[in-house]
Amino acid sequence: MAKRFEFIRNKRNEMGLTIEQLAKKANVSVDLISRLERGNRDDISISRLESILSVLGLKLGDVSERSELDEKSNQFIKEFHLLNEQQREQYADIFMKIINLK
């Protein structure tokens, strides 16, 4: 399985931050950072991901450029990022309803 958020570890190390320091600055748990970096967690809220990326000097749009996703996933993330906050929230709600229809 590709480690979709492995770039977070690389950027964190590049900045000389420990997992604990990044977690504290991003106001998220150490466990969340650790599991993302190891590829053991793929589900993360947009707000938490944006918080982590902000500390690293990155934007949500950078995820698609730095992670190993298929072409459609990359396109979805890029388009989603271009929406305003209200639109992102509305579309995220719709998307969550769709994927929970299993």
C-alpha atoms as a PDB file:
ATOM      1  CA  MET A   1       0.000   0.000   0.000  1.00  0.00           C
ATOM      2  CA  ALA A   2       1.362   3.380  -0.962  1.00  0.00           C
ATOM      3  CA  LYS A   3       2.006   5.683   1.945  1.00  0.00           C
ATOM      4  CA  ARG A   4      -0.200   8.525   0.805  1.00  0.00           C
ATOM      5  CA  PHE A   5       0.999  10.954   3.470  1.00  0.00           C
ATOM      6  CA  GLU A   6       4.644   9.891   3.634  1.00  0.00           C
ATOM      7  CA  PHE A   7       5.592  13.349   2.356  1.00  0.00           C
ATOM      8  CA  ILE A   8       4.515  14.717   5.764  1.00  0.00           C
ATOM      9  CA  ARG A   9       7.381  12.842   7.436  1.00  0.00           C
ATOM     10  CA  ASN A  10       9.817  14.065   4.805  1.00  0.00           C
ATOM     11  CA  LYS A  11       8.741  17.701   5.196  1.00  0.00           C
ATOM     12  CA  ARG A  12       8.674  17.430   9.010  1.00  0.00           C
ATOM     13  CA  ASN A  13      12.215  16.024   9.035  1.00  0.00           C
ATOM     14  CA  GLU A  14      13.339  18.680   6.562  1.00  0.00           C
ATOM     15  CA  MET A  15      12.064  21.320   9.003  1.00  0.00           C
ATOM     16  CA  GLY A  16      13.745  19.607  11.959  1.00  0.00           C
ATOM     17  CA  LEU A  17      10.479  18.957  13.789  1.00  0.00           C
ATOM     18  CA  THR A  18       9.675  15.926  15.901  1.00  0.00           C
ATOM     19  CA  ILE A  19       6.279  14.264  15.619  1.00  0.00           C
ATOM     20  CA  GLU A  20       5.443  15.713  19.027  1.00  0.00           C
ATOM     21  CA  GLN A  21       6.351  19.249  17.965  1.00  0.00           C
ATOM     22  CA  LEU A  22       4.321  19.020  14.767  1.00  0.00           C
ATOM     23  CA  ALA A  23       1.333  17.581  16.622  1.00  0.00           C
ATOM     24  CA  LYS A  24       1.440  20.347  19.214  1.00  0.00           C
ATOM     25  CA  LYS A  25       1.734  23.133  16.639  1.00  0.00           C
ATOM     26  CA  ALA A  26      -1.054  21.635  14.520  1.00  0.00           C
ATOM     27  CA  ASN A  27      -3.228  20.915  17.564  1.00  0.00           C
ATOM     28  CA  VAL A  28      -3.652  17.237  16.656  1.00  0.00           C
ATOM     29  CA  SER A  29      -2.616  14.017  18.386  1.00  0.00           C
ATOM     30  CA  VAL A  30       0.840  12.508  18.104  1.00  0.00           C
ATOM     31  CA  ASP A  31      -0.881   9.239  17.199  1.00  0.00           C
ATOM     32  CA  LEU A  32      -2.593  10.873  14.209  1.00  0.00           C
ATOM     33  CA  ILE A  33       0.701  12.193  12.807  1.00  0.00           C
ATOM     34  CA  SER A  34       2.477   8.902  13.435  1.00  0.00           C
ATOM     35  CA  ARG A  35      -0.221   6.815  11.788  1.00  0.00           C
ATOM     36  CA  LEU A  36      -0.449   9.138   8.772  1.00  0.00           C
ATOM     37  CA  GLU A  37       3.278   9.006   8.209  1.00  0.00           C
ATOM     38  CA  ARG A  38       3.357   5.208   8.474  1.00  0.00           C
ATOM     39  CA  GLY A  39       0.424   4.798   6.124  1.00  0.00           C
ATOM     40  CA  ASN A  40      -1.769   3.268   8.825  1.00  0.00           C
ATOM     41  CA  ARG A  41      -4.382   5.992   8.608  1.00  0.00           C
ATOM     42  CA  ASP A  42      -5.941   7.371   5.485  1.00  0.00           C
ATOM     43  CA  ASP A  43      -9.066   8.968   6.900  1.00  0.00           C
ATOM     44  CA  ILE A  44      -8.486  12.449   8.195  1.00  0.00           C
ATOM     45  CA  SER A  45     -10.725  15.477   8.291  1.00  0.00           C
ATOM     46  CA  ILE A  46      -9.898  18.299   5.927  1.00  0.00           C
ATOM     47  CA  SER A  47      -9.559  20.720   8.844  1.00  0.00           C
ATOM     48  CA  ARG A  48      -7.002  18.524  10.643  1.00  0.00           C
ATOM     49  CA  LEU A  49      -5.069  17.923   7.447  1.00  0.00           C
ATOM     50  CA  GLU A  50      -5.056  21.647   6.670  1.00  0.00           C
ATOM     51  CA  SER A  51      -3.789  22.352  10.190  1.00  0.00           C
ATOM     52  CA  ILE A  52      -0.882  19.915   9.765  1.00  0.00           C
ATOM     53  CA  LEU A  53      -0.078  21.219   6.304  1.00  0.00           C
ATOM     54  CA  SER A  54      -0.166  24.826   7.511  1.00  0.00           C
ATOM     55  CA  VAL A  55       2.528  24.118  10.097  1.00  0.00           C
ATOM     56  CA  LEU A  56       4.610  22.534   7.335  1.00  0.00           C
ATOM     57  CA  GLY A  57       4.099  25.536   5.048  1.00  0.00           C
ATOM     58  CA  LEU A  58       1.978  23.507   2.638  1.00  0.00           C
ATOM     59  CA  LYS A  59      -1.562  23.800   1.270  1.00  0.00           C
ATOM     60  CA  LEU A  60      -4.251  21.218   0.709  1.00  0.00           C
ATOM     61  CA  GLY A  61      -3.545  21.317  -3.023  1.00  0.00           C
ATOM     62  CA  ASP A  62      -0.003  20.122  -2.330  1.00  0.00           C
ATOM     63  CA  VAL A  63      -1.329  16.753  -1.147  1.00  0.00           C
ATOM     64  CA  SER A  64      -2.190  15.655  -4.668  1.00  0.00           C
ATOM     65  CA  GLU A  65       1.221  16.714  -5.940  1.00  0.00           C
ATOM     66  CA  ARG A  66       3.147  14.948  -3.174  1.00  0.00           C
ATOM     67  CA  SER A  67       1.155  11.797  -2.536  1.00  0.00           C
ATOM     68  CA  GLU A  68       0.720   8.725  -4.640  1.00  0.00           C
ATOM     69  CA  LEU A  69      -2.893   8.892  -5.750  1.00  0.00           C
ATOM     70  CA  ASP A  70      -4.494   7.835  -8.985  1.00  0.00           C
ATOM     71  CA  GLU A  71      -5.284  10.482 -11.582  1.00  0.00           C
ATOM     72  CA  LYS A  72      -8.984  10.805 -10.702  1.00  0.00           C
ATOM     73  CA  SER A  73      -8.219  11.228  -7.001  1.00  0.00           C
ATOM     74  CA  ASN A  74      -5.664  13.921  -7.807  1.00  0.00           C
ATOM     75  CA  GLN A  75      -8.169  15.738 -10.001  1.00  0.00           C
ATOM     76  CA  PHE A  76     -10.864  15.497  -7.306  1.00  0.00           C
ATOM     77  CA  ILE A  77      -8.575  16.935  -4.616  1.00  0.00           C
ATOM     78  CA  LYS A  78      -7.431  19.789  -6.841  1.00  0.00           C
ATOM     79  CA  GLU A  79     -10.995  20.729  -7.794  1.00  0.00           C
ATOM     80  CA  PHE A  80     -12.206  20.366  -4.195  1.00  0.00           C
ATOM     81  CA  HIS A  81      -9.444  22.703  -3.031  1.00  0.00           C
ATOM     82  CA  LEU A  82     -10.595  25.393  -5.484  1.00  0.00           C
ATOM     83  CA  LEU A  83     -14.032  25.577  -3.855  1.00  0.00           C
ATOM     84  CA  ASN A  84     -14.733  28.155  -1.175  1.00  0.00           C
ATOM     85  CA  GLU A  85     -15.075  26.968   2.421  1.00  0.00           C
ATOM     86  CA  GLN A  86     -18.878  26.803   2.354  1.00  0.00           C
ATOM     87  CA  GLN A  87     -18.885  24.827  -0.898  1.00  0.00           C
ATOM     88  CA  ARG A  88     -16.231  22.424   0.448  1.00  0.00           C
ATOM     89  CA  GLU A  89     -18.363  21.785   3.522  1.00  0.00           C
ATOM     90  CA  GLN A  90     -21.495  21.190   1.434  1.00  0.00           C
ATOM     91  CA  TYR A  91     -19.760  18.865  -1.019  1.00  0.00           C
ATOM     92  CA  ALA A  92     -17.980  17.012   1.782  1.00  0.00           C
ATOM     93  CA  ASP A  93     -21.356  16.357   3.440  1.00  0.00           C
ATOM     94  CA  ILE A  94     -22.790  15.079   0.158  1.00  0.00           C
ATOM     95  CA  PHE A  95     -19.745  12.927  -0.534  1.00  0.00           C
ATOM     96  CA  MET A  96     -19.865  11.410   2.962  1.00  0.00           C
ATOM     97  CA  LYS A  97     -23.528  10.536   2.468  1.00  0.00           C
ATOM     98  CA  ILE A  98     -22.705   8.861  -0.822  1.00  0.00           C
ATOM     99  CA  ILE A  99     -19.836   6.743   0.488  1.00  0.00           C
ATOM    100  CA  ASN A 100     -21.857   5.695   3.542  1.00  0.00           C
ATOM    101  CA  LEU A 101     -24.618   4.250   1.356  1.00  0.00           C
ATOM    102  CA  LYS A 102     -22.829   0.895   1.126  1.00  0.00           C
END
